[in-house]
Amino acid sequence: MPSCLSVSTGADLRVEPVDAVLDEVERALQAQLDRGTLVRKRRSLGARTDRGTWLRVERRSFDKIGTQGWNGTECAALLEGVAKPQWLRSAAWRQPGDTVMWRVDETDLLPGEPIGSSVLAIEPALSDDWWRAFNRSLDALAKQQTQRIATPDTALITQSSVTEAIHCLLPDGVDATVDRWLPAHADLNWANMTGPEFCLFDWEDWGMAPQGLDAASLWGNSLAVPPLAERVRHERRHDLESRDGKLMTLFVCAKILAPDAHPEDPRLEPARLMAGQVAEELRRG
């Protein structure tokens, strides 16, 4: 029986002092940061430099680095046909006296602003051209070759992790065996894409994953805006209507419906409804 435990979010760079880290970044890459442009997320920082580039800084504990390393942004530089900022250089260092490491990656500036927070509450104004570029990039990504394994929420996605999450959601169970693994961004949300020109960034977690992980993740992050969630399902129907896409829908629903979910999260009820519908479809075969 799987243990359905809440996921710890760990340290939060949105509230911790970061001046010393930013000083180290400037020394490592010999660049001055425009600290007025600083963007703080839970496990990463970002800011513009005096040479017209962008620096992204991430902290990760040793147990979240593992044998794969954490050079996803650098590895993504070789991806073809995907709209993303060009990678330029990086540096990494160990936090003295602690079991964490820091990494900074320098890239070109984004062509626009992030569309919003990771989970949207208001429908964004996205053109048909934006959706076409979105689809071209995701389709191109799925055709790449890599030995990397995706790390959504910094954890390797495996058959056992998929099975455990789905069985936590559905104790009566469905066959959670994944058939097809394809390259995925693995952190596809509205804070990691730009508009009005489409660009996909923050590539530290990309790698092989079950077909439909990205589509299901973006759908889950859109559930508070039903027309947007439906648009995502329509645009990525090839992925989401596949058997593996249905499993990834359940995988995402399991995260939304986790024991520590906020009771007023507007995504809870649509996630419950979709989980029941998809489970029934899978059981019918």
Protein backbone atom coordinates (compact mmCIF):
# COMPACT_ATOMS: atom_id res chain seq x y z
CA MET A 1 0.00 0.00 0.00
CA PRO A 2 1.59 3.33 -1.02
CA SER A 3 2.06 6.00 1.61
CA CYS A 4 0.29 9.14 0.43
CA LEU A 5 2.40 11.77 2.15
CA SER A 6 2.32 15.50 1.64
CA VAL A 7 5.30 16.89 -0.24
CA SER A 8 7.54 19.20 1.76
CA THR A 9 8.28 22.46 -0.02
CA GLY A 10 11.59 22.99 1.82
CA ALA A 11 13.36 26.34 1.96
CA ASP A 12 11.77 29.33 0.25
CA LEU A 13 13.94 31.90 -1.53
CA ARG A 14 10.98 34.28 -1.74
CA VAL A 15 11.43 35.14 1.94
CA GLU A 16 15.06 34.30 2.77
CA PRO A 17 17.94 36.83 2.64
CA VAL A 18 19.68 36.49 -0.74
CA ASP A 19 22.12 39.41 -0.95
CA ALA A 20 25.15 37.20 -0.23
CA VAL A 21 24.07 34.78 -2.96
CA LEU A 22 23.69 37.58 -5.48
CA ASP A 23 27.14 38.89 -4.55
CA GLU A 24 28.59 35.43 -5.25
CA VAL A 25 26.78 35.28 -8.60
CA GLU A 26 28.29 38.61 -9.66
CA ARG A 27 31.78 37.40 -8.72
CA ALA A 28 31.35 34.05 -10.47
CA LEU A 29 30.19 35.44 -13.82
CA GLN A 30 31.84 38.86 -13.66
CA ALA A 31 28.53 40.63 -14.25
CA GLN A 32 26.58 43.29 -12.42
CA LEU A 33 22.98 42.46 -11.59
CA ASP A 34 20.18 44.96 -11.89
CA ARG A 35 18.68 44.11 -8.53
CA GLY A 36 15.61 46.16 -9.31
CA THR A 37 14.66 43.41 -11.80
CA LEU A 38 15.07 40.60 -9.25
CA VAL A 39 12.45 37.84 -9.50
CA ARG A 40 12.18 35.57 -6.48
CA LYS A 41 10.61 32.12 -6.66
CA ARG A 42 10.52 29.35 -4.07
CA ARG A 43 13.72 27.67 -5.25
CA SER A 44 15.19 30.09 -7.78
CA LEU A 45 16.14 33.71 -8.37
CA GLY A 46 16.47 35.69 -11.57
CA ALA A 47 17.71 39.12 -12.59
CA ARG A 48 18.93 41.13 -15.57
CA THR A 49 22.63 41.89 -16.01
CA ASP A 50 24.55 44.95 -17.14
CA ARG A 51 25.40 43.14 -20.39
CA GLY A 52 21.78 42.67 -21.44
CA THR A 53 21.40 39.04 -20.40
CA TRP A 54 19.45 37.14 -17.76
CA LEU A 55 20.86 35.17 -14.84
CA ARG A 56 18.86 32.38 -13.21
CA VAL A 57 20.08 31.13 -9.84
CA GLU A 58 18.92 27.90 -8.23
CA ARG A 59 19.59 26.20 -4.92
CA ARG A 60 19.25 22.42 -4.76
CA SER A 61 20.06 19.92 -2.03
CA PHE A 62 22.47 17.06 -2.72
CA ASP A 63 19.70 14.47 -2.67
CA LYS A 64 17.87 16.37 -5.42
CA ILE A 65 20.91 16.46 -7.70
CA GLY A 66 21.62 12.72 -7.83
CA THR A 67 23.50 10.96 -10.60
CA GLN A 68 21.85 12.99 -13.39
CA GLY A 69 23.25 16.31 -12.22
CA TRP A 70 21.33 19.54 -12.61
CA ASN A 71 22.55 21.10 -15.83
CA GLY A 72 19.16 20.96 -17.54
CA THR A 73 19.31 24.51 -18.88
CA GLU A 74 22.73 23.85 -20.38
CA CYS A 75 21.62 20.54 -21.92
CA ALA A 76 18.51 22.19 -23.36
CA ALA A 77 20.78 24.40 -25.48
CA LEU A 78 20.98 21.52 -27.97
CA LEU A 79 17.22 21.19 -28.45
CA GLU A 80 16.10 22.01 -32.00
CA GLY A 81 12.84 23.61 -33.03
CA VAL A 82 11.91 24.72 -29.50
CA ALA A 83 11.37 28.42 -28.73
CA LYS A 84 13.63 29.10 -25.75
CA PRO A 85 16.27 31.62 -24.66
CA GLN A 86 19.82 30.88 -25.82
CA TRP A 87 22.10 29.51 -23.09
CA LEU A 88 25.44 31.31 -22.74
CA ARG A 89 27.39 30.13 -19.66
CA SER A 90 27.06 28.86 -16.09
CA ALA A 91 28.79 28.40 -12.75
CA ALA A 92 28.10 26.23 -9.69
CA TRP A 93 29.36 26.18 -6.12
CA ARG A 94 28.77 24.39 -2.85
CA GLN A 95 27.24 26.10 0.16
CA PRO A 96 29.95 25.88 2.90
CA GLY A 97 28.88 23.75 5.84
CA ASP A 98 25.59 22.74 4.22
CA THR A 99 24.33 19.93 1.97
CA VAL A 100 23.19 22.24 -0.82
CA MET A 101 24.66 23.58 -4.03
CA TRP A 102 24.00 26.72 -6.01
CA ARG A 103 23.99 27.06 -9.79
CA VAL A 104 23.66 30.12 -12.02
CA ASP A 105 22.88 29.99 -15.75
CA GLU A 106 23.19 32.99 -18.04
CA THR A 107 20.88 33.20 -21.04
CA ASP A 108 19.57 35.70 -23.53
CA LEU A 109 16.75 37.91 -22.32
CA LEU A 110 13.22 36.63 -22.82
CA PRO A 111 11.30 38.07 -25.80
CA GLY A 112 8.40 39.09 -23.55
CA GLU A 113 7.05 38.92 -20.04
CA PRO A 114 6.01 35.72 -18.24
CA ILE A 115 2.30 35.18 -18.80
CA GLY A 116 1.53 35.08 -15.10
CA SER A 117 1.97 33.03 -11.98
CA SER A 118 2.24 29.25 -12.34
CA VAL A 119 -1.50 28.81 -11.67
CA LEU A 120 -3.71 31.40 -13.34
CA ALA A 121 -6.93 32.87 -11.98
CA ILE A 122 -7.68 35.10 -14.99
CA GLU A 123 -7.68 34.02 -18.63
CA PRO A 124 -4.71 35.52 -20.52
CA ALA A 125 -5.08 37.13 -23.93
CA LEU A 126 -3.23 34.65 -26.16
CA SER A 127 -3.40 34.82 -29.93
CA ASP A 128 -3.83 31.89 -32.29
CA ASP A 129 -0.22 32.53 -33.36
CA TRP A 130 0.84 32.02 -29.74
CA TRP A 131 -0.95 28.67 -29.57
CA ARG A 132 0.58 27.57 -32.87
CA ALA A 133 4.08 28.40 -31.59
CA PHE A 134 3.28 26.61 -28.33
CA ASN A 135 2.27 23.47 -30.22
CA ARG A 136 5.28 23.60 -32.56
CA SER A 137 7.67 23.73 -29.62
CA LEU A 138 6.02 20.90 -27.67
CA ASP A 139 5.83 18.74 -30.79
CA ALA A 140 9.49 19.44 -31.57
CA LEU A 141 10.51 18.67 -27.99
CA ALA A 142 8.82 15.26 -28.16
CA LYS A 143 11.01 14.33 -31.15
CA GLN A 144 14.36 14.98 -29.39
CA GLN A 145 16.76 12.35 -28.03
CA THR A 146 18.06 12.47 -24.47
CA GLN A 147 19.31 10.24 -21.65
CA ARG A 148 17.92 12.66 -19.06
CA ILE A 149 14.95 11.69 -16.90
CA ALA A 150 12.44 14.43 -16.09
CA THR A 151 12.35 15.70 -12.51
CA PRO A 152 8.96 17.35 -11.89
CA ASP A 153 9.08 19.02 -8.46
CA THR A 154 12.81 18.03 -8.46
CA ALA A 155 11.96 14.30 -8.13
CA LEU A 156 12.77 11.76 -10.86
CA ILE A 157 9.60 10.56 -12.52
CA THR A 158 9.57 6.77 -12.71
CA GLN A 159 7.02 4.04 -13.28
CA SER A 160 6.89 3.44 -9.53
CA SER A 161 6.29 7.14 -8.73
CA VAL A 162 3.49 7.28 -11.30
CA THR A 163 1.90 4.12 -9.94
CA GLU A 164 2.14 5.32 -6.33
CA ALA A 165 0.59 8.71 -7.08
CA ILE A 166 -2.30 7.22 -9.04
CA HIS A 167 -2.99 4.52 -6.44
CA CYS A 168 -3.04 7.19 -3.72
CA LEU A 169 -5.70 8.98 -5.73
CA LEU A 170 -7.60 5.81 -6.64
CA PRO A 171 -7.25 3.16 -3.90
CA ASP A 172 -9.32 0.73 -6.00
CA GLY A 173 -6.66 1.18 -8.65
CA VAL A 174 -6.27 1.25 -12.41
CA ASP A 175 -3.48 -0.23 -14.50
CA ALA A 176 -0.91 2.59 -14.29
CA THR A 177 1.67 1.03 -16.62
CA VAL A 178 3.20 3.67 -18.90
CA ASP A 179 3.65 2.69 -22.54
CA ARG A 180 5.46 5.65 -24.09
CA TRP A 181 8.18 7.93 -22.68
CA LEU A 182 9.05 11.15 -24.51
CA PRO A 183 11.12 14.26 -23.74
CA ALA A 184 9.17 16.77 -21.64
CA HIS A 185 9.82 20.17 -20.10
CA ALA A 186 8.44 18.80 -16.80
CA ASP A 187 7.62 22.19 -15.27
CA LEU A 188 5.13 23.52 -17.80
CA ASN A 189 3.18 26.31 -16.17
CA TRP A 190 2.16 29.87 -16.94
CA ALA A 191 5.13 31.39 -15.11
CA ASN A 192 7.56 29.61 -17.46
CA MET A 193 6.15 30.87 -20.77
CA THR A 194 6.13 34.35 -22.28
CA GLY A 195 3.64 36.41 -24.26
CA PRO A 196 2.69 37.87 -26.61
CA GLU A 197 5.61 36.02 -28.27
CA PHE A 198 5.83 32.41 -27.14
CA CYS A 199 9.01 31.30 -25.40
CA LEU A 200 9.52 28.45 -22.95
CA PHE A 201 12.14 28.82 -20.22
CA ASP A 202 13.37 27.30 -16.92
CA TRP A 203 14.65 23.99 -18.33
CA GLU A 204 16.30 22.56 -15.24
CA ASP A 205 13.82 19.65 -14.90
CA TRP A 206 13.43 18.48 -18.49
CA GLY A 207 13.95 14.89 -19.60
CA MET A 208 12.12 11.71 -20.50
CA ALA A 209 8.61 11.39 -19.07
CA PRO A 210 5.34 9.64 -19.89
CA GLN A 211 3.60 11.10 -22.93
CA GLY A 212 1.27 13.88 -21.86
CA LEU A 213 3.05 15.06 -18.72
CA ASP A 214 3.48 18.62 -20.00
CA ALA A 215 -0.04 18.87 -21.38
CA ALA A 216 -1.57 17.50 -18.18
CA SER A 217 0.56 19.80 -16.03
CA LEU A 218 -0.50 22.92 -17.93
CA TRP A 219 -4.13 21.77 -17.87
CA GLY A 220 -3.90 21.34 -14.10
CA ASN A 221 -2.45 24.83 -13.74
CA SER A 222 -5.38 26.20 -15.77
CA LEU A 223 -8.29 24.62 -13.90
CA ALA A 224 -9.22 27.81 -12.06
CA VAL A 225 -10.10 29.25 -15.50
CA PRO A 226 -12.33 26.62 -17.16
CA PRO A 227 -12.17 28.06 -20.72
CA LEU A 228 -8.37 28.10 -20.52
CA ALA A 229 -8.23 24.52 -19.23
CA GLU A 230 -10.48 23.45 -22.07
CA ARG A 231 -8.29 25.27 -24.60
CA VAL A 232 -5.22 23.43 -23.30
CA ARG A 233 -7.05 20.10 -23.61
CA HIS A 234 -8.11 20.98 -27.14
CA GLU A 235 -4.65 22.08 -28.27
CA ARG A 236 -2.91 19.03 -26.77
CA ARG A 237 -5.67 16.49 -27.36
CA HIS A 238 -3.28 14.15 -29.18
CA ASP A 239 -1.35 13.78 -25.91
CA LEU A 240 -4.22 13.92 -23.43
CA GLU A 241 -6.48 11.47 -25.24
CA SER A 242 -3.74 8.83 -25.37
CA ARG A 243 -3.65 6.20 -22.65
CA ASP A 244 -0.47 7.66 -21.20
CA GLY A 245 -1.99 11.14 -21.36
CA LYS A 246 -4.90 9.89 -19.27
CA LEU A 247 -2.44 8.46 -16.74
CA MET A 248 -0.66 11.83 -16.60
CA THR A 249 -4.01 13.54 -16.05
CA LEU A 250 -4.51 11.30 -13.02
CA PHE A 251 -0.92 11.96 -11.92
CA VAL A 252 -1.56 15.72 -11.98
CA CYS A 253 -4.95 15.34 -10.29
CA ALA A 254 -3.27 13.38 -7.51
CA LYS A 255 -0.97 16.35 -6.83
CA ILE A 256 -3.84 18.83 -6.85
CA LEU A 257 -5.91 16.62 -4.53
CA ALA A 258 -3.02 15.82 -2.15
CA PRO A 259 -3.74 15.68 1.60
CA ASP A 260 -2.24 19.13 2.12
CA ALA A 261 -4.35 20.79 -0.60
CA HIS A 262 -5.85 24.14 0.36
CA PRO A 263 -9.58 23.57 0.90
CA GLU A 264 -10.45 26.70 -1.12
CA ASP A 265 -8.33 25.83 -4.14
CA PRO A 266 -10.73 26.32 -7.08
CA ARG A 267 -9.06 23.45 -8.92
CA LEU A 268 -10.18 20.78 -6.45
CA GLU A 269 -13.66 20.07 -7.77
CA PRO A 270 -12.78 20.03 -11.50
CA ALA A 271 -9.80 17.81 -10.68
CA ARG A 272 -12.05 15.37 -8.80
CA LEU A 273 -14.53 15.27 -11.66
CA MET A 274 -11.85 14.72 -14.29
CA ALA A 275 -10.11 12.05 -12.20
CA GLY A 276 -13.35 10.09 -11.94
CA GLN A 277 -14.05 10.43 -15.66
CA VAL A 278 -10.56 9.41 -16.74
CA ALA A 279 -10.42 6.49 -14.30
CA GLU A 280 -13.66 5.14 -15.75
CA GLU A 281 -12.32 5.49 -19.30
CA LEU A 282 -9.16 3.59 -18.38
CA ARG A 283 -11.08 0.81 -16.66
CA ARG A 284 -13.29 0.37 -19.72
CA GLY A 285 -10.15 0.15 -21.82
